[in-house]
Amino acid sequence: MEIPNKTEKIEILAIPQGQKATVSISGNNEMKVGNNIIQINVIAEDGITNKKYELIVHRRNEQEELKYEQEKENGAEKLSTILEEQNNGSNVEEIKQDKNSNIIWIIGTIALGSILIIGILYIKKRQKKID
């Protein structure tokens, strides 16, 4: 586990399964730069059975912290670029759909206009026959 350079202490919440079991934790206060070993000692309800756990926590030094922040920033920039590319891709699809809709609208308008012109010519032709 890795923690920021500014973190001097971490809190650990350990809840034993049995009501009479106990948990003790040491090494989580005054975290030094570098690797820290946190010891977790669990004594079972019988008071005899004992399990020990170690958690290694690395507190970053100032250089590691700068590198971490730069990598985090680079990762955010990469993610932003990926999201932007994905959005641009969807915009292309929207543009294609809009273009297709416009083509259909234009064809419909031309067809309607043609029908109107044919209708007007037909009416004029009939009026000439009547006159």
N, C-alpha and C. Protein backbone atom coordinates (compact mmCIF):
# COMPACT_ATOMS: atom_id res chain seq x y z
N MET A 1 0.84 -1.16 0.00
CA MET A 1 0.00 0.00 0.00
C MET A 1 0.90 1.23 0.00
N GLU A 2 0.49 2.25 -0.74
CA GLU A 2 1.30 3.47 -0.85
C GLU A 2 0.46 4.65 -0.39
N ILE A 3 1.10 5.56 0.34
CA ILE A 3 0.40 6.73 0.85
C ILE A 3 1.15 8.00 0.45
N PRO A 4 0.44 9.14 0.40
CA PRO A 4 1.09 10.40 0.05
C PRO A 4 2.16 10.80 1.06
N ASN A 5 3.08 11.63 0.62
CA ASN A 5 4.17 12.10 1.46
C ASN A 5 3.65 12.87 2.67
N LYS A 6 2.58 13.60 2.51
CA LYS A 6 2.08 14.43 3.61
C LYS A 6 1.38 13.62 4.71
N THR A 7 1.09 12.36 4.46
CA THR A 7 0.40 11.53 5.44
C THR A 7 1.38 11.04 6.49
N GLU A 8 1.14 11.39 7.74
CA GLU A 8 2.02 11.00 8.83
C GLU A 8 1.43 9.88 9.68
N LYS A 9 0.14 9.65 9.54
CA LYS A 9 -0.53 8.67 10.38
C LYS A 9 -1.71 8.11 9.59
N ILE A 10 -1.98 6.82 9.73
CA ILE A 10 -3.17 6.25 9.10
C ILE A 10 -4.00 5.55 10.16
N GLU A 11 -5.28 5.60 9.97
CA GLU A 11 -6.19 4.93 10.89
C GLU A 11 -6.67 3.64 10.25
N ILE A 12 -6.67 2.60 11.04
CA ILE A 12 -7.12 1.30 10.56
C ILE A 12 -8.26 0.85 11.47
N LEU A 13 -9.34 0.46 10.88
CA LEU A 13 -10.48 -0.06 11.62
C LEU A 13 -10.52 -1.56 11.42
N ALA A 14 -10.30 -2.31 12.51
CA ALA A 14 -10.33 -3.77 12.43
C ALA A 14 -11.34 -4.26 13.45
N ILE A 15 -12.34 -4.96 12.98
CA ILE A 15 -13.41 -5.45 13.85
C ILE A 15 -13.31 -6.97 13.92
N PRO A 16 -13.09 -7.52 15.10
CA PRO A 16 -12.98 -8.98 15.21
C PRO A 16 -14.35 -9.64 15.02
N GLN A 17 -14.33 -10.90 14.56
CA GLN A 17 -15.58 -11.61 14.34
C GLN A 17 -16.27 -11.99 15.64
N GLY A 18 -15.51 -12.41 16.62
CA GLY A 18 -16.09 -12.80 17.91
C GLY A 18 -16.18 -11.61 18.86
N GLN A 19 -17.19 -11.63 19.73
CA GLN A 19 -17.37 -10.51 20.66
C GLN A 19 -16.25 -10.38 21.68
N LYS A 20 -15.67 -11.51 22.07
CA LYS A 20 -14.62 -11.49 23.09
C LYS A 20 -13.22 -11.45 22.48
N ALA A 21 -13.13 -11.54 21.17
CA ALA A 21 -11.82 -11.46 20.51
C ALA A 21 -11.33 -10.02 20.56
N THR A 22 -10.00 -9.86 20.51
CA THR A 22 -9.43 -8.51 20.55
C THR A 22 -8.48 -8.29 19.38
N VAL A 23 -8.35 -7.04 19.02
CA VAL A 23 -7.44 -6.65 17.93
C VAL A 23 -6.58 -5.50 18.44
N SER A 24 -5.27 -5.62 18.23
CA SER A 24 -4.38 -4.50 18.56
C SER A 24 -3.57 -4.16 17.31
N ILE A 25 -3.35 -2.87 17.14
CA ILE A 25 -2.66 -2.38 15.94
C ILE A 25 -1.51 -1.49 16.40
N SER A 26 -0.34 -1.70 15.80
CA SER A 26 0.80 -0.84 16.11
C SER A 26 1.57 -0.51 14.84
N GLY A 27 2.22 0.63 14.87
CA GLY A 27 3.04 1.05 13.73
C GLY A 27 2.32 1.96 12.75
N ASN A 28 1.09 2.34 13.07
CA ASN A 28 0.33 3.20 12.15
C ASN A 28 0.42 4.67 12.51
N ASN A 29 1.10 4.99 13.61
CA ASN A 29 1.34 6.39 13.98
C ASN A 29 2.78 6.74 13.61
N GLU A 30 3.03 7.98 13.33
CA GLU A 30 4.37 8.47 12.99
C GLU A 30 4.98 7.68 11.83
N MET A 31 4.30 7.72 10.71
CA MET A 31 4.76 7.02 9.51
C MET A 31 6.01 7.73 8.98
N LYS A 32 7.08 6.97 8.82
CA LYS A 32 8.30 7.56 8.27
C LYS A 32 8.27 7.46 6.74
N VAL A 33 9.08 8.26 6.07
CA VAL A 33 9.19 8.18 4.62
C VAL A 33 9.83 6.84 4.29
N GLY A 34 9.25 6.16 3.32
CA GLY A 34 9.73 4.83 2.96
C GLY A 34 8.75 3.78 3.44
N ASN A 35 9.25 2.55 3.64
CA ASN A 35 8.38 1.44 4.04
C ASN A 35 8.16 1.44 5.55
N ASN A 36 6.92 1.23 5.94
CA ASN A 36 6.52 1.12 7.33
C ASN A 36 5.77 -0.20 7.49
N ILE A 37 6.03 -0.88 8.58
CA ILE A 37 5.32 -2.14 8.84
C ILE A 37 4.31 -1.89 9.95
N ILE A 38 3.07 -2.13 9.61
CA ILE A 38 1.99 -2.02 10.60
C ILE A 38 1.66 -3.43 11.03
N GLN A 39 1.67 -3.64 12.33
CA GLN A 39 1.38 -4.96 12.87
C GLN A 39 -0.04 -5.00 13.43
N ILE A 40 -0.76 -6.03 13.03
CA ILE A 40 -2.12 -6.24 13.51
C ILE A 40 -2.14 -7.58 14.22
N ASN A 41 -2.48 -7.54 15.49
CA ASN A 41 -2.48 -8.75 16.31
C ASN A 41 -3.92 -9.05 16.73
N VAL A 42 -4.36 -10.26 16.42
CA VAL A 42 -5.73 -10.67 16.75
C VAL A 42 -5.66 -11.83 17.73
N ILE A 43 -6.32 -11.67 18.87
CA ILE A 43 -6.42 -12.74 19.85
C ILE A 43 -7.87 -13.22 19.85
N ALA A 44 -8.05 -14.51 19.64
CA ALA A 44 -9.39 -15.10 19.53
C ALA A 44 -10.10 -15.07 20.88
N GLU A 45 -11.37 -15.42 20.87
CA GLU A 45 -12.20 -15.42 22.08
C GLU A 45 -11.64 -16.33 23.18
N ASP A 46 -10.93 -17.39 22.76
CA ASP A 46 -10.39 -18.31 23.77
C ASP A 46 -9.20 -17.71 24.53
N GLY A 47 -8.70 -16.57 24.07
CA GLY A 47 -7.59 -15.89 24.73
C GLY A 47 -6.24 -16.52 24.45
N ILE A 48 -6.23 -17.61 23.69
CA ILE A 48 -4.98 -18.33 23.41
C ILE A 48 -4.59 -18.21 21.93
N THR A 49 -5.57 -18.46 21.07
CA THR A 49 -5.30 -18.44 19.63
C THR A 49 -4.94 -17.02 19.22
N ASN A 50 -3.80 -16.91 18.54
CA ASN A 50 -3.27 -15.59 18.21
C ASN A 50 -2.86 -15.58 16.74
N LYS A 51 -3.30 -14.59 16.01
CA LYS A 51 -2.89 -14.42 14.60
C LYS A 51 -2.24 -13.05 14.47
N LYS A 52 -1.12 -13.04 13.75
CA LYS A 52 -0.43 -11.77 13.52
C LYS A 52 -0.43 -11.49 12.02
N TYR A 53 -0.70 -10.24 11.69
CA TYR A 53 -0.72 -9.79 10.30
C TYR A 53 0.20 -8.59 10.18
N GLU A 54 0.83 -8.47 9.03
CA GLU A 54 1.67 -7.31 8.77
C GLU A 54 1.19 -6.62 7.51
N LEU A 55 1.12 -5.35 7.59
CA LEU A 55 0.73 -4.53 6.45
C LEU A 55 1.89 -3.59 6.15
N ILE A 56 2.42 -3.67 4.94
CA ILE A 56 3.53 -2.79 4.57
C ILE A 56 2.95 -1.57 3.87
N VAL A 57 3.25 -0.41 4.43
CA VAL A 57 2.76 0.86 3.89
C VAL A 57 3.96 1.70 3.50
N HIS A 58 3.98 2.13 2.25
CA HIS A 58 5.08 2.95 1.76
C HIS A 58 4.63 4.41 1.71
N ARG A 59 5.32 5.24 2.49
CA ARG A 59 5.07 6.68 2.45
C ARG A 59 6.04 7.27 1.44
N ARG A 60 5.48 7.90 0.39
CA ARG A 60 6.31 8.45 -0.68
C ARG A 60 7.20 9.58 -0.17
N ASN A 61 8.44 9.66 -0.71
CA ASN A 61 9.28 10.82 -0.44
C ASN A 61 8.87 11.94 -1.39
N GLU A 62 9.48 13.09 -1.29
CA GLU A 62 9.06 14.24 -2.09
C GLU A 62 9.22 13.99 -3.58
N GLN A 63 10.32 13.34 -4.00
CA GLN A 63 10.53 13.05 -5.42
C GLN A 63 9.48 12.07 -5.93
N GLU A 64 9.20 11.03 -5.14
CA GLU A 64 8.18 10.06 -5.53
C GLU A 64 6.81 10.72 -5.62
N GLU A 65 6.57 11.66 -4.72
CA GLU A 65 5.29 12.37 -4.72
C GLU A 65 5.14 13.20 -5.99
N LEU A 66 6.20 13.91 -6.37
CA LEU A 66 6.17 14.69 -7.61
C LEU A 66 5.93 13.79 -8.82
N LYS A 67 6.65 12.67 -8.85
CA LYS A 67 6.49 11.72 -9.96
C LYS A 67 5.06 11.18 -9.99
N TYR A 68 4.53 10.84 -8.82
CA TYR A 68 3.16 10.33 -8.73
C TYR A 68 2.16 11.36 -9.25
N GLU A 69 2.33 12.61 -8.82
CA GLU A 69 1.42 13.68 -9.25
C GLU A 69 1.51 13.89 -10.77
N GLN A 70 2.74 13.83 -11.32
CA GLN A 70 2.91 13.98 -12.76
C GLN A 70 2.25 12.84 -13.51
N GLU A 71 2.44 11.61 -13.01
CA GLU A 71 1.81 10.45 -13.65
C GLU A 71 0.29 10.53 -13.57
N LYS A 72 -0.20 11.00 -12.43
CA LYS A 72 -1.65 11.16 -12.26
C LYS A 72 -2.18 12.21 -13.24
N GLU A 73 -1.43 13.30 -13.38
CA GLU A 73 -1.82 14.36 -14.31
C GLU A 73 -1.78 13.85 -15.75
N ASN A 74 -0.70 13.11 -16.10
CA ASN A 74 -0.59 12.54 -17.45
C ASN A 74 -1.73 11.57 -17.71
N GLY A 75 -2.06 10.76 -16.71
CA GLY A 75 -3.17 9.82 -16.85
C GLY A 75 -4.49 10.55 -17.07
N ALA A 76 -4.67 11.66 -16.35
CA ALA A 76 -5.90 12.45 -16.51
C ALA A 76 -5.95 13.06 -17.91
N GLU A 77 -4.79 13.53 -18.40
CA GLU A 77 -4.74 14.10 -19.75
C GLU A 77 -5.05 13.03 -20.80
N LYS A 78 -4.48 11.82 -20.61
CA LYS A 78 -4.75 10.73 -21.55
C LYS A 78 -6.23 10.37 -21.54
N LEU A 79 -6.80 10.29 -20.35
CA LEU A 79 -8.22 9.96 -20.23
C LEU A 79 -9.06 11.04 -20.90
N SER A 80 -8.68 12.29 -20.69
CA SER A 80 -9.39 13.41 -21.31
C SER A 80 -9.32 13.30 -22.83
N THR A 81 -8.14 12.96 -23.34
CA THR A 81 -7.96 12.81 -24.79
C THR A 81 -8.83 11.68 -25.32
N ILE A 82 -8.84 10.55 -24.61
CA ILE A 82 -9.64 9.40 -25.03
C ILE A 82 -11.12 9.77 -25.05
N LEU A 83 -11.57 10.43 -23.99
CA LEU A 83 -12.98 10.83 -23.93
C LEU A 83 -13.33 11.81 -25.03
N GLU A 84 -12.40 12.73 -25.31
CA GLU A 84 -12.62 13.71 -26.37
C GLU A 84 -12.72 13.01 -27.72
N GLU A 85 -11.83 12.03 -27.94
CA GLU A 85 -11.86 11.28 -29.20
C GLU A 85 -13.17 10.50 -29.33
N GLN A 86 -13.62 9.93 -28.22
CA GLN A 86 -14.88 9.19 -28.25
C GLN A 86 -16.04 10.15 -28.55
N ASN A 87 -16.00 11.33 -27.94
CA ASN A 87 -17.06 12.31 -28.20
C ASN A 87 -17.02 12.77 -29.65
N ASN A 88 -15.81 12.98 -30.18
CA ASN A 88 -15.70 13.37 -31.57
C ASN A 88 -16.23 12.28 -32.48
N GLY A 89 -15.98 11.04 -32.12
CA GLY A 89 -16.50 9.92 -32.89
C GLY A 89 -18.01 9.93 -32.92
N SER A 90 -18.63 10.22 -31.77
CA SER A 90 -20.09 10.26 -31.74
C SER A 90 -20.60 11.47 -32.50
N ASN A 91 -19.82 12.56 -32.49
CA ASN A 91 -20.22 13.73 -33.27
C ASN A 91 -20.21 13.41 -34.75
N VAL A 92 -19.24 12.60 -35.20
CA VAL A 92 -19.19 12.20 -36.60
C VAL A 92 -20.45 11.42 -36.95
N GLU A 93 -20.86 10.53 -36.06
CA GLU A 93 -22.08 9.76 -36.30
C GLU A 93 -23.30 10.68 -36.36
N GLU A 94 -23.33 11.66 -35.45
CA GLU A 94 -24.44 12.62 -35.46
C GLU A 94 -24.46 13.41 -36.76
N ILE A 95 -23.27 13.81 -37.22
CA ILE A 95 -23.18 14.57 -38.48
C ILE A 95 -23.67 13.71 -39.63
N LYS A 96 -23.27 12.41 -39.65
CA LYS A 96 -23.73 11.51 -40.71
C LYS A 96 -25.25 11.38 -40.66
N GLN A 97 -25.80 11.23 -39.46
CA GLN A 97 -27.25 11.11 -39.33
C GLN A 97 -27.93 12.39 -39.79
N ASP A 98 -27.37 13.55 -39.40
CA ASP A 98 -27.94 14.83 -39.83
C ASP A 98 -27.87 14.96 -41.35
N LYS A 99 -26.74 14.55 -41.93
CA LYS A 99 -26.56 14.63 -43.37
C LYS A 99 -27.59 13.74 -44.07
N ASN A 100 -27.77 12.52 -43.56
CA ASN A 100 -28.76 11.62 -44.14
C ASN A 100 -30.17 12.20 -44.00
N SER A 101 -30.46 12.80 -42.86
CA SER A 101 -31.76 13.42 -42.66
C SER A 101 -31.96 14.57 -43.64
N ASN A 102 -30.92 15.35 -43.85
CA ASN A 102 -31.00 16.48 -44.79
C ASN A 102 -31.23 15.98 -46.22
N ILE A 103 -30.54 14.91 -46.59
CA ILE A 103 -30.72 14.36 -47.94
C ILE A 103 -32.15 13.90 -48.13
N ILE A 104 -32.68 13.18 -47.13
CA ILE A 104 -34.07 12.72 -47.20
C ILE A 104 -35.02 13.91 -47.30
N TRP A 105 -34.76 14.95 -46.52
CA TRP A 105 -35.61 16.15 -46.54
C TRP A 105 -35.55 16.82 -47.92
N ILE A 106 -34.35 16.91 -48.49
CA ILE A 106 -34.19 17.53 -49.82
C ILE A 106 -34.92 16.72 -50.88
N ILE A 107 -34.74 15.39 -50.84
CA ILE A 107 -35.43 14.54 -51.82
C ILE A 107 -36.94 14.68 -51.67
N GLY A 108 -37.41 14.70 -50.43
CA GLY A 108 -38.85 14.89 -50.19
C GLY A 108 -39.34 16.22 -50.71
N THR A 109 -38.56 17.26 -50.49
CA THR A 109 -38.94 18.60 -50.96
C THR A 109 -38.97 18.64 -52.49
N ILE A 110 -37.99 18.04 -53.14
CA ILE A 110 -37.96 18.01 -54.61
C ILE A 110 -39.16 17.23 -55.14
N ALA A 111 -39.46 16.08 -54.49
CA ALA A 111 -40.61 15.28 -54.94
C ALA A 111 -41.90 16.07 -54.78
N LEU A 112 -42.06 16.72 -53.65
CA LEU A 112 -43.28 17.52 -53.42
C LEU A 112 -43.36 18.67 -54.41
N GLY A 113 -42.22 19.33 -54.63
CA GLY A 113 -42.19 20.42 -55.60
C GLY A 113 -42.54 19.93 -57.00
N SER A 114 -42.01 18.77 -57.37
CA SER A 114 -42.31 18.19 -58.68
C SER A 114 -43.80 17.90 -58.81
N ILE A 115 -44.37 17.34 -57.75
CA ILE A 115 -45.80 17.03 -57.77
C ILE A 115 -46.61 18.31 -57.93
N LEU A 116 -46.21 19.36 -57.22
CA LEU A 116 -46.92 20.64 -57.32
C LEU A 116 -46.82 21.21 -58.73
N ILE A 117 -45.62 21.18 -59.30
CA ILE A 117 -45.42 21.72 -60.66
C ILE A 117 -46.25 20.92 -61.66
N ILE A 118 -46.19 19.59 -61.54
CA ILE A 118 -46.99 18.75 -62.45
C ILE A 118 -48.47 19.07 -62.27
N GLY A 119 -48.89 19.24 -61.02
CA GLY A 119 -50.30 19.57 -60.75
C GLY A 119 -50.69 20.90 -61.36
N ILE A 120 -49.84 21.90 -61.21
CA ILE A 120 -50.13 23.23 -61.78
C ILE A 120 -50.20 23.15 -63.30
N LEU A 121 -49.22 22.44 -63.92
CA LEU A 121 -49.22 22.30 -65.37
C LEU A 121 -50.49 21.56 -65.84
N TYR A 122 -50.89 20.55 -65.12
CA TYR A 122 -52.10 19.80 -65.46
C TYR A 122 -53.33 20.69 -65.39
N ILE A 123 -53.41 21.48 -64.31
CA ILE A 123 -54.55 22.39 -64.16
C ILE A 123 -54.57 23.42 -65.29
N LYS A 124 -53.41 23.99 -65.65
CA LYS A 124 -53.34 24.98 -66.73
C LYS A 124 -53.75 24.36 -68.06
N LYS A 125 -53.29 23.13 -68.28
CA LYS A 125 -53.62 22.44 -69.52
C LYS A 125 -55.14 22.20 -69.62
N ARG A 126 -55.75 21.83 -68.51
CA ARG A 126 -57.20 21.61 -68.50
C ARG A 126 -57.96 22.92 -68.72
N GLN A 127 -57.43 24.01 -68.14
CA GLN A 127 -58.11 25.29 -68.32
C GLN A 127 -58.05 25.73 -69.79
N LYS A 128 -56.92 25.45 -70.46
CA LYS A 128 -56.80 25.80 -71.87
C LYS A 128 -57.79 25.00 -72.69
N LYS A 129 -58.03 23.75 -72.34
CA LYS A 129 -58.98 22.93 -73.07
C LYS A 129 -60.39 23.46 -72.87
N ILE A 130 -60.67 23.92 -71.64
CA ILE A 130 -62.00 24.43 -71.34
C ILE A 130 -62.24 25.76 -72.07
N ASP A 131 -61.21 26.57 -72.16
CA ASP A 131 -61.36 27.88 -72.82
C ASP A 131 -61.47 27.69 -74.27
